[in-house]
């Protein structure tokens, strides 16, 4: 605080500051008469000056009431450079005329920001109700799935502005467009807590509809797009969206979305018929199946059909495993036309069949080309894995590898992840003393002897 005796004035305070041409500044200070309120002497009167020009003055500062008075005025610079600020006393009385000065300020005036969309997140807290269950959260740019289970598609949320003189309920408008039909609906809404309601009649056919929402904040307009995927609510029969197809053979199985044919899951070389099941087809406005017939095609390689056919209403197809005997990528296609909308539905998936050369299957009970010299082989059920395996005996009917469940302590032949690994040991007919004895068993495949097992030797291949 600055205390000033006003006698002989007039300049109580002075300072030079830099200004910019065209900019407006606020010059202000607080003042108080310092004479006791019980006395009555000459009262001070203060003024604000810039470069020799008075821009503001106070009323006379009385002793009573004893209070601080604020003086403020605006100054617009006419040129860039230095200016002189002054606080002057207009009274020059020698008795009284004492003043306190505090909080002197000279600041550029910056206009408050105009009303604009809140960033980030002008659109927030949005959700829609796809069925009788709870609302589903959604954000701009995401997809809403609408099955026409309710009479009206409702989207709720908030739209917010920020800045100066923004309306409490910013106005909004929206349009709904279909790629083939163009604009099918439009409407208005209001900012915070908005609700957009679109009747099912605005979704007459299947496809992806674009809901474009525009919110207005003063001169600023912000947009939000929601994609609405629907089978169509107009009562027609249209393609079902988000169709999946499951391919299985024995214990192996995988599920793919239609048109997922850039990532190839691997199906082991089938040992059982290959089954295709899918909800592919057409649905009406209630979600009921209205599919006619489904045409299908299997290609290997791509572009070479190896099997074709038709299924009625829904896909439940079994194909023999012999069609998949060759390793590589197989493509499966489906197509149907929904009536009376003539909406054409298509689906393509692809997968890879892996027929590893080490796999040999004894599940049919056949020994294949395996044979013995001076002994016998047969296919039995492995008591540990439950799978069918090849068993060998010498000419006396003994097998160290398998005599009974307690003696089966070596992997003569055993499956590992559908690949048969051969751990063949010699068989001397004496399970209790396998290192000694007579009766070595020679095992071979086909008509050419490939390996002879000698006593005390262990072989794997």
Protein backbone atom coordinates (compact mmCIF):
# COMPACT_ATOMS: atom_id res chain seq x y z
CA UNK A 1 0.00 0.00 0.00
CA UNK A 2 1.14 3.53 -0.81
CA UNK A 3 0.35 6.36 1.68
CA UNK A 4 0.29 9.86 0.17
CA UNK A 5 0.00 13.35 1.65
CA UNK A 6 -1.80 15.25 -1.06
CA UNK A 7 -0.43 18.66 -0.22
CA UNK A 8 1.07 20.29 -3.33
CA UNK A 9 0.19 17.20 -5.53
CA UNK A 10 -0.65 16.39 -8.16
CA UNK A 11 1.22 13.13 -9.06
CA UNK A 12 0.94 10.46 -6.37
CA UNK A 13 2.28 7.51 -8.44
CA UNK A 14 3.83 7.07 -11.91
CA UNK A 15 5.22 4.20 -14.03
CA UNK A 16 6.02 3.46 -17.68
CA UNK A 17 4.67 0.29 -19.35
CA UNK A 18 4.79 -1.25 -22.85
CA UNK A 19 1.59 -1.43 -24.94
CA UNK A 20 0.55 -2.80 -28.35
CA UNK A 21 -1.33 -0.71 -30.89
CA UNK A 22 -5.01 -1.64 -31.04
CA UNK A 23 -5.00 -3.56 -27.74
CA UNK A 24 -7.31 -2.47 -24.93
CA UNK A 25 -6.08 -2.34 -21.31
CA UNK A 26 -7.77 -1.99 -17.93
CA UNK A 27 -6.13 0.55 -15.51
CA UNK A 28 -7.39 0.29 -11.92
CA UNK A 29 -6.53 0.96 -8.26
CA UNK A 30 -8.13 1.05 -4.80
CA UNK A 31 -8.27 4.26 -2.68
CA UNK A 32 -9.17 5.17 0.94
CA UNK A 33 -9.33 8.48 2.86
CA UNK A 34 -6.86 8.05 5.74
CA UNK A 35 -8.21 10.86 7.93
CA UNK A 36 -10.09 9.65 11.03
CA UNK A 37 -13.80 9.26 10.35
CA UNK A 38 -14.56 11.51 13.35
CA UNK A 39 -12.78 14.47 11.72
CA UNK A 40 -13.81 16.67 8.85
CA UNK A 41 -10.93 17.98 6.79
CA UNK A 42 -10.31 18.43 3.06
CA UNK A 43 -11.14 15.22 1.20
CA UNK A 44 -8.92 13.74 -1.52
CA UNK A 45 -10.10 13.11 -5.08
CA UNK A 46 -8.13 10.72 -7.33
CA UNK A 47 -7.73 10.39 -11.10
CA UNK A 48 -6.15 7.89 -13.55
CA UNK A 49 -3.98 9.30 -16.38
CA UNK A 50 -2.27 7.68 -19.38
CA UNK A 51 0.31 9.66 -21.38
CA UNK A 52 -0.99 13.00 -20.07
CA UNK A 53 -4.69 12.17 -20.65
CA UNK A 54 -7.15 11.69 -17.81
CA UNK A 55 -9.21 8.54 -18.34
CA UNK A 56 -11.07 8.23 -15.00
CA UNK A 57 -11.74 10.08 -11.73
CA UNK A 58 -13.30 9.15 -8.39
CA UNK A 59 -15.93 11.00 -6.46
CA UNK A 60 -14.67 12.80 -3.40
CA UNK A 61 -13.36 10.31 -0.82
CA UNK A 62 -15.17 11.05 2.44
CA UNK A 63 -13.79 10.32 5.93
CA UNK A 64 -17.04 8.62 6.84
CA UNK A 65 -17.87 5.93 5.99
CA UNK A 66 -14.33 4.61 6.23
CA UNK A 67 -14.07 2.33 3.19
CA UNK A 68 -11.96 1.54 0.12
CA UNK A 69 -13.18 2.73 -3.28
CA UNK A 70 -12.23 1.06 -6.59
CA UNK A 71 -11.46 3.08 -9.70
CA UNK A 72 -11.10 1.40 -13.11
CA UNK A 73 -11.09 2.54 -16.73
CA UNK A 74 -10.16 1.13 -20.14
CA UNK A 75 -7.44 2.47 -22.42
CA UNK A 76 -6.89 1.49 -26.08
CA UNK A 77 -3.35 1.99 -27.35
CA UNK A 78 -2.98 3.93 -30.58
CA UNK A 79 0.61 2.87 -31.19
CA UNK A 80 3.06 0.23 -30.01
CA UNK A 81 5.65 1.40 -27.47
CA UNK A 82 5.94 2.85 -23.96
CA UNK A 83 3.23 4.88 -22.21
CA UNK A 84 3.28 6.65 -18.83
CA UNK A 85 0.71 5.68 -16.23
CA UNK A 86 -0.12 8.17 -13.46
CA UNK A 87 -2.36 8.40 -10.42
CA UNK A 88 -3.00 12.08 -9.69
CA UNK A 89 -4.59 13.93 -6.75
CA UNK A 90 -7.02 16.60 -7.90
CA UNK A 91 -7.12 18.30 -4.48
CA UNK A 92 -4.02 20.17 -3.24
CA UNK A 93 -5.30 21.08 0.26
CA UNK A 94 -2.70 21.00 3.02
CA UNK A 95 -5.01 19.94 5.87
CA UNK A 96 -6.49 16.49 5.39
CA UNK A 97 -6.18 15.27 1.82
CA UNK A 98 -4.37 12.10 2.95
CA UNK A 99 -4.98 8.94 0.93
CA UNK A 100 -4.03 5.25 0.83
CA UNK A 101 -3.46 3.60 -2.60
CA UNK A 102 -3.42 -0.18 -3.10
CA UNK A 103 -3.64 -2.92 -5.77
CA UNK A 104 -2.63 -0.82 -8.77
CA UNK A 105 -3.21 -2.86 -11.95
CA UNK A 106 -2.72 -2.37 -15.69
CA UNK A 107 -3.78 -5.45 -17.74
CA UNK A 108 -4.73 -6.19 -21.32
CA UNK A 109 -8.43 -6.87 -21.75
CA UNK A 110 -9.05 -10.29 -23.36
CA UNK A 111 -12.66 -10.88 -24.41
CA UNK A 112 -14.27 -14.01 -23.00
CA UNK A 113 -14.26 -16.99 -25.41
CA UNK A 114 -17.20 -17.46 -27.69
CA UNK A 115 -19.49 -20.44 -27.25
CA UNK A 116 -17.93 -23.59 -28.79
CA UNK A 117 -18.40 -27.35 -28.54
CA UNK A 118 -16.91 -28.93 -25.42
CA UNK A 119 -13.60 -30.55 -26.36
CA UNK A 120 -12.96 -33.36 -25.98
CA UNK A 121 -16.24 -35.15 -25.48
CA UNK A 122 -18.98 -32.83 -26.74
CA UNK A 123 -21.14 -35.97 -27.10
CA UNK A 124 -21.07 -38.16 -23.99
CA UNK A 125 -23.04 -40.67 -21.90
CA UNK A 126 -24.71 -42.08 -25.01
CA UNK A 127 -26.58 -45.40 -24.99
CA UNK A 128 -29.33 -47.22 -26.87
CA UNK A 129 -31.74 -50.01 -25.98
CA UNK A 130 -31.54 -52.92 -28.43
CA UNK A 131 -34.26 -55.04 -26.79
CA UNK A 132 -36.18 -55.44 -23.55
CA UNK A 133 -32.88 -55.61 -21.64
CA UNK A 134 -30.70 -52.78 -20.34
CA UNK A 135 -29.29 -49.92 -22.38
CA UNK A 136 -26.01 -50.50 -24.21
CA UNK A 137 -23.31 -47.76 -24.06
CA UNK A 138 -22.13 -46.42 -27.41
CA UNK A 139 -19.76 -43.70 -28.66
CA UNK A 140 -19.44 -41.70 -31.85
CA UNK A 141 -18.15 -43.89 -34.70
CA UNK A 142 -19.40 -47.17 -33.22
CA UNK A 143 -22.04 -49.63 -34.48
CA UNK A 144 -25.46 -50.19 -32.91
CA UNK A 145 -27.22 -53.49 -33.70
CA UNK A 146 -30.97 -53.05 -34.14
CA UNK A 147 -33.19 -56.12 -34.58
CA UNK A 148 -36.50 -54.15 -34.53
CA UNK A 149 -37.46 -55.84 -31.23
CA UNK A 150 -39.03 -52.59 -29.97
CA UNK A 151 -41.29 -50.14 -31.86
CA UNK A 152 -38.73 -47.30 -31.71
CA UNK A 153 -34.93 -47.04 -31.79
CA UNK A 154 -34.00 -44.67 -28.93
CA UNK A 155 -30.58 -43.03 -28.53
CA UNK A 156 -29.97 -40.93 -25.41
CA UNK A 157 -27.00 -38.91 -24.24
CA UNK A 158 -25.55 -35.48 -23.50
CA UNK A 159 -24.28 -32.71 -25.77
CA UNK A 160 -22.28 -29.91 -24.09
CA UNK A 161 -20.95 -26.47 -25.06
CA UNK A 162 -18.32 -24.31 -23.37
CA UNK A 163 -17.50 -20.61 -23.46
CA UNK A 164 -19.43 -17.34 -23.24
CA UNK A 165 -23.22 -17.01 -23.57
CA UNK A 166 -23.81 -20.70 -24.30
CA UNK A 167 -27.43 -21.87 -24.24
CA UNK A 168 -28.47 -24.14 -21.39
CA UNK A 169 -29.98 -26.57 -23.92
CA UNK A 170 -27.90 -26.40 -27.13
CA UNK A 171 -30.00 -27.09 -30.25
CA UNK A 172 -29.35 -30.28 -32.23
CA UNK A 173 -30.57 -31.85 -35.46
CA UNK A 174 -30.09 -35.33 -36.93
CA UNK A 175 -30.49 -37.23 -40.20
CA UNK A 176 -30.73 -40.97 -40.95
CA UNK A 177 -29.34 -42.23 -44.27
CA UNK A 178 -29.19 -45.59 -46.08
CA UNK A 179 -26.59 -46.20 -48.84
CA UNK A 180 -29.28 -47.16 -51.38
CA UNK A 181 -32.33 -45.23 -50.13
CA UNK A 182 -30.62 -41.95 -49.24
CA UNK A 183 -32.08 -39.90 -46.38
CA UNK A 184 -34.94 -41.81 -44.74
CA UNK A 185 -35.60 -39.68 -41.62
CA UNK A 186 -34.61 -36.51 -39.80
CA UNK A 187 -35.41 -34.61 -36.62
CA UNK A 188 -34.30 -32.28 -33.83
CA UNK A 189 -33.22 -32.65 -30.21
CA UNK A 190 -31.84 -30.53 -27.37
CA UNK A 191 -28.43 -30.72 -25.68
CA UNK A 192 -28.07 -32.08 -22.16
CA UNK A 193 -30.10 -35.24 -21.67
CA UNK A 194 -31.15 -35.49 -25.33
CA UNK A 195 -33.28 -38.30 -26.72
CA UNK A 196 -33.44 -39.25 -30.40
CA UNK A 197 -36.33 -41.59 -31.26
CA UNK A 198 -36.52 -43.25 -34.69
CA UNK A 199 -39.53 -45.45 -35.56
CA UNK A 200 -39.04 -48.88 -37.11
CA UNK A 201 -40.67 -47.61 -40.30
CA UNK A 202 -37.47 -45.64 -40.93
CA UNK A 203 -35.57 -48.94 -41.30
CA UNK A 204 -37.50 -50.52 -44.18
CA UNK A 205 -34.67 -52.69 -45.55
CA UNK A 206 -31.58 -54.38 -44.19
CA UNK A 207 -28.13 -52.79 -44.19
CA UNK A 208 -26.02 -50.17 -42.47
CA UNK A 209 -27.79 -46.90 -41.70
CA UNK A 210 -25.82 -43.76 -40.77
CA UNK A 211 -27.25 -41.58 -38.00
CA UNK A 212 -25.57 -38.16 -38.23
CA UNK A 213 -26.08 -35.87 -35.21
CA UNK A 214 -25.16 -32.16 -35.30
CA UNK A 215 -24.95 -30.04 -32.15
CA UNK A 216 -24.78 -26.23 -32.36
CA UNK A 217 -22.79 -24.05 -29.95
CA UNK A 218 -22.99 -20.46 -31.14
CA UNK A 219 -21.13 -20.36 -34.46
CA UNK A 220 -19.56 -23.79 -33.80
CA UNK A 221 -21.20 -27.03 -35.02
CA UNK A 222 -20.00 -30.46 -33.94
CA UNK A 223 -20.94 -33.79 -35.53
CA UNK A 224 -21.29 -37.37 -34.33
CA UNK A 225 -22.00 -40.45 -36.47
CA UNK A 226 -23.54 -43.71 -35.25
CA UNK A 227 -23.79 -46.71 -37.62
CA UNK A 228 -27.01 -48.73 -37.14
CA UNK A 229 -26.88 -52.30 -38.49
CA UNK A 230 -30.30 -53.91 -38.92
CA UNK A 231 -32.00 -56.73 -40.85
CA UNK A 232 -34.73 -54.23 -41.75
CA UNK A 233 -37.98 -53.52 -39.92
CA UNK A 234 -40.33 -53.13 -42.86
CA UNK A 235 -41.78 -56.65 -42.61
CA UNK A 236 -39.70 -57.94 -45.51
CA UNK A 237 -37.40 -60.93 -45.37
CA UNK A 238 -33.79 -59.75 -45.33
CA UNK A 239 -30.27 -61.10 -44.77
CA UNK A 240 -29.36 -61.84 -41.19
CA UNK A 241 -26.40 -59.81 -39.99
CA UNK A 242 -23.35 -61.07 -38.06
CA UNK A 243 -23.68 -64.66 -39.29
CA UNK A 244 -21.26 -67.30 -38.00
CA UNK A 245 -20.42 -70.77 -39.32
CA UNK A 246 -18.94 -73.66 -37.31
CA UNK A 247 -16.72 -76.30 -38.93
CA UNK A 248 -15.97 -79.49 -37.00
CA UNK A 249 -14.50 -82.94 -37.52
CA UNK A 250 -14.25 -85.30 -34.57
CA UNK A 251 -12.92 -83.31 -31.60
CA UNK A 252 -11.56 -80.50 -33.80
CA UNK A 253 -13.84 -77.47 -34.25
CA UNK A 254 -13.71 -73.73 -34.97
CA UNK A 255 -16.22 -70.93 -35.58
CA UNK A 256 -15.77 -68.05 -38.05
CA UNK A 257 -17.76 -64.97 -39.00
CA UNK A 258 -18.93 -64.88 -42.59
CA UNK A 259 -16.39 -63.24 -44.90
CA UNK A 260 -13.57 -64.06 -42.48
CA UNK A 261 -11.15 -65.53 -45.00
CA UNK A 262 -7.90 -63.68 -44.43
CA UNK A 263 -7.04 -65.55 -41.23
CA UNK A 264 -6.85 -69.32 -41.70
CA UNK A 265 -7.55 -71.55 -38.67
CA UNK A 266 -5.99 -75.00 -38.93
CA UNK A 267 -8.05 -78.17 -39.05
CA UNK A 268 -6.08 -81.40 -38.54
CA UNK A 269 -6.43 -83.92 -41.34
CA UNK A 270 -10.05 -85.05 -40.81
CA UNK A 271 -10.60 -88.59 -39.48
CA UNK A 272 -14.39 -88.17 -39.44
CA UNK A 273 -16.95 -86.43 -41.69
CA UNK A 274 -16.62 -82.63 -41.70
CA UNK A 275 -19.75 -80.89 -40.38
CA UNK A 276 -20.85 -77.35 -41.30
CA UNK A 277 -23.52 -75.63 -39.17
CA UNK A 278 -24.63 -72.00 -39.43
CA UNK A 279 -27.52 -69.58 -38.80
CA UNK A 280 -26.80 -68.05 -42.22
CA UNK A 281 -29.90 -66.97 -44.10
CA UNK A 282 -32.84 -64.58 -43.94
CA UNK A 283 -34.94 -63.21 -41.06
CA UNK A 284 -38.10 -61.11 -40.96
CA UNK A 285 -38.81 -58.08 -38.78
CA UNK A 286 -39.52 -60.31 -35.78
CA UNK A 287 -36.24 -62.20 -36.18
CA UNK A 288 -37.90 -65.38 -37.42
CA UNK A 289 -36.13 -67.46 -40.08
CA UNK A 290 -37.57 -66.86 -43.55
CA UNK A 291 -34.80 -68.50 -45.59
CA UNK A 292 -35.67 -70.41 -48.72
CA UNK A 293 -32.81 -72.58 -49.99
CA UNK A 294 -29.08 -72.09 -49.43
CA UNK A 295 -26.63 -72.89 -52.24
CA UNK A 296 -23.18 -73.96 -51.08
CA UNK A 297 -19.85 -74.68 -52.75
CA UNK A 298 -16.53 -76.13 -51.56
CA UNK A 299 -13.38 -75.10 -53.46
CA UNK A 300 -9.85 -76.52 -53.29
CA UNK A 301 -7.83 -74.70 -54.28
CA UNK A 302 -9.67 -71.39 -54.64
CA UNK A 303 -11.51 -71.34 -57.96
CA UNK A 304 -11.76 -75.13 -58.26
CA UNK A 305 -15.15 -76.45 -56.98
CA UNK A 306 -14.88 -79.97 -55.57
CA UNK A 307 -18.41 -80.20 -54.09
CA UNK A 308 -21.68 -78.24 -54.49
CA UNK A 309 -25.24 -78.53 -53.30
CA UNK A 310 -28.28 -76.90 -51.68
CA UNK A 311 -29.77 -76.92 -48.20
CA UNK A 312 -33.28 -75.94 -47.21
CA UNK A 313 -33.94 -73.21 -44.63
CA UNK A 314 -30.71 -73.53 -42.57
CA UNK A 315 -27.27 -75.03 -43.00
CA UNK A 316 -26.52 -78.41 -41.40
CA UNK A 317 -24.14 -80.19 -43.77
CA UNK A 318 -21.91 -83.28 -43.48
CA UNK A 319 -19.16 -83.87 -46.04
CA UNK A 320 -16.96 -86.99 -46.20
CA UNK A 321 -13.45 -86.60 -44.86
CA UNK A 322 -12.07 -87.89 -48.15
CA UNK A 323 -12.78 -84.47 -49.70
CA UNK A 324 -10.17 -83.01 -47.33
CA UNK A 325 -7.37 -85.54 -47.81
CA UNK A 326 -4.97 -82.99 -49.32
CA UNK A 327 -3.27 -80.37 -47.16
CA UNK A 328 -3.85 -76.71 -47.98
CA UNK A 329 -6.46 -73.93 -47.83
CA UNK A 330 -10.12 -74.78 -48.49
CA UNK A 331 -12.85 -72.19 -49.24
CA UNK A 332 -16.54 -72.66 -48.45
CA UNK A 333 -19.21 -70.41 -50.02
CA UNK A 334 -22.92 -69.94 -49.27
CA UNK A 335 -25.55 -67.83 -51.04
CA UNK A 336 -29.30 -67.30 -50.74
CA UNK A 337 -31.87 -64.74 -51.92
CA UNK A 338 -34.47 -63.48 -49.44
CA UNK A 339 -37.99 -63.13 -50.79
CA UNK A 340 -39.79 -60.86 -51.51
CA UNK A 341 -37.10 -58.24 -50.78
CA UNK A 342 -34.62 -59.89 -53.23
CA UNK A 343 -31.94 -59.22 -50.64
CA UNK A 344 -28.96 -61.42 -51.64
CA UNK A 345 -26.92 -62.92 -48.79
CA UNK A 346 -23.41 -64.29 -49.31
CA UNK A 347 -20.88 -65.90 -47.01
CA UNK A 348 -17.31 -67.08 -47.54
CA UNK A 349 -14.90 -68.66 -45.07
CA UNK A 350 -11.52 -70.33 -45.45
CA UNK A 351 -9.38 -72.63 -43.36
CA UNK A 352 -6.25 -74.74 -43.68
CA UNK A 353 -6.13 -78.53 -43.52
CA UNK A 354 -2.90 -79.88 -42.04
CA UNK A 355 -2.23 -83.54 -42.89
CA UNK A 356 1.04 -84.20 -41.09
CA UNK A 357 2.87 -87.19 -42.60
CA UNK A 358 3.52 -88.74 -39.18
CA UNK A 359 -0.18 -89.32 -38.46
CA UNK A 360 -1.37 -92.90 -38.78
CA UNK A 361 -4.81 -93.84 -37.54
CA UNK A 362 -5.64 -97.32 -36.16
CA UNK A 363 -9.15 -96.33 -35.00
CA UNK A 364 -10.73 -98.53 -37.69
CA UNK A 365 -8.97 -101.63 -36.31
CA UNK A 366 -6.84 -102.13 -39.42
CA UNK A 367 -3.08 -102.76 -39.07
CA UNK A 368 -2.47 -101.21 -42.48
CA UNK A 369 0.85 -102.32 -43.99
CA UNK A 370 2.47 -103.16 -40.66
CA UNK A 371 3.68 -106.76 -40.37
CA UNK A 372 6.09 -108.93 -38.37
CA UNK A 373 8.72 -111.62 -38.89
CA UNK A 374 8.26 -114.65 -36.61
CA UNK A 375 5.52 -112.96 -34.59
CA UNK A 376 2.07 -111.34 -34.73
CA UNK A 377 0.56 -107.85 -34.59
CA UNK A 378 -2.91 -106.64 -33.73
CA UNK A 379 -4.82 -103.44 -32.93
CA UNK A 380 -5.89 -103.05 -29.31
CA UNK A 381 -7.39 -100.35 -27.08
CA UNK A 382 -4.69 -98.52 -25.14
CA UNK A 383 -5.71 -98.89 -21.44
CA UNK A 384 -4.20 -95.49 -20.65
CA UNK A 385 -5.32 -93.25 -23.53
CA UNK A 386 -8.39 -95.16 -24.73
CA UNK A 387 -7.20 -94.88 -28.34
CA UNK A 388 -6.58 -97.76 -30.74
CA UNK A 389 -2.89 -98.69 -31.00
CA UNK A 390 -0.75 -101.31 -32.71
CA UNK A 391 0.46 -104.22 -30.53
CA UNK A 392 3.18 -106.79 -31.32
CA UNK A 393 3.81 -110.30 -29.93
CA UNK A 394 6.64 -112.75 -30.55
CA UNK A 395 6.07 -116.29 -31.80
CA UNK A 396 5.28 -117.40 -28.25
CA UNK A 397 2.55 -114.77 -27.83
CA UNK A 398 4.50 -112.70 -25.31
CA UNK A 399 4.92 -108.93 -25.35
CA UNK A 400 7.01 -107.00 -22.88
CA UNK A 401 5.29 -103.85 -24.10
CA UNK A 402 1.80 -105.18 -23.50
CA UNK A 403 1.02 -108.38 -21.64
CA UNK A 404 -1.54 -106.92 -19.26
CA UNK A 405 -2.27 -103.47 -17.95
CA UNK A 406 0.38 -103.71 -15.22
CA UNK A 407 3.11 -104.74 -17.67
CA UNK A 408 2.31 -101.95 -20.16
CA UNK A 409 4.98 -99.54 -18.93
CA UNK A 410 6.67 -98.61 -22.19
CA UNK A 411 5.35 -96.58 -25.11
CA UNK A 412 5.44 -99.21 -27.81
CA UNK A 413 3.16 -97.12 -29.96
CA UNK A 414 1.25 -94.19 -28.48
CA UNK A 415 -0.60 -91.14 -29.77
CA UNK A 416 0.60 -87.63 -28.96
CA UNK A 417 -1.64 -84.79 -30.24
CA UNK A 418 -2.89 -86.93 -33.13
CA UNK A 419 0.66 -87.77 -34.19
CA UNK A 420 1.80 -91.35 -33.65
CA UNK A 421 5.27 -91.56 -32.10
CA UNK A 422 6.97 -94.94 -32.38
CA UNK A 423 9.10 -96.14 -29.44
CA UNK A 424 9.80 -99.78 -30.34
CA UNK A 425 11.76 -102.08 -28.02
CA UNK A 426 12.81 -105.67 -28.65
CA UNK A 427 10.52 -108.35 -27.25
CA UNK A 428 12.12 -111.49 -25.80
CA UNK A 429 8.96 -112.95 -24.31
CA UNK A 430 10.06 -112.34 -20.71
CA UNK A 431 8.46 -109.17 -19.20
CA UNK A 432 10.24 -109.69 -15.87
CA UNK A 433 13.68 -109.93 -17.46
CA UNK A 434 13.63 -107.85 -20.67
CA UNK A 435 17.42 -107.62 -21.09
CA UNK A 436 17.86 -111.36 -21.63
CA UNK A 437 16.03 -114.15 -23.39
CA UNK A 438 15.07 -115.41 -26.77
CA UNK A 439 12.59 -114.41 -29.38
CA UNK A 440 13.50 -111.03 -30.87
CA UNK A 441 10.61 -109.55 -32.86
CA UNK A 442 11.27 -107.97 -36.26
CA UNK A 443 8.70 -105.36 -37.31
CA UNK A 444 8.48 -103.85 -40.78
CA UNK A 445 6.05 -102.00 -43.04
CA UNK A 446 5.11 -103.28 -46.50
CA UNK A 447 7.06 -105.97 -48.34
CA UNK A 448 10.51 -104.54 -47.67
CA UNK A 449 12.22 -105.06 -44.34
CA UNK A 450 12.93 -101.58 -42.92
CA UNK A 451 14.26 -102.29 -39.47
CA UNK A 452 15.28 -105.32 -37.42
CA UNK A 453 15.08 -105.08 -33.65
CA UNK A 454 17.99 -106.92 -31.98
CA UNK A 455 18.13 -108.00 -28.32
CA UNK A 456 19.08 -105.30 -25.78
CA UNK A 457 18.44 -102.55 -28.41
CA UNK A 458 15.85 -99.75 -28.25
CA UNK A 459 14.84 -97.94 -31.41
CA UNK A 460 12.66 -94.88 -32.11
CA UNK A 461 11.64 -93.28 -35.40
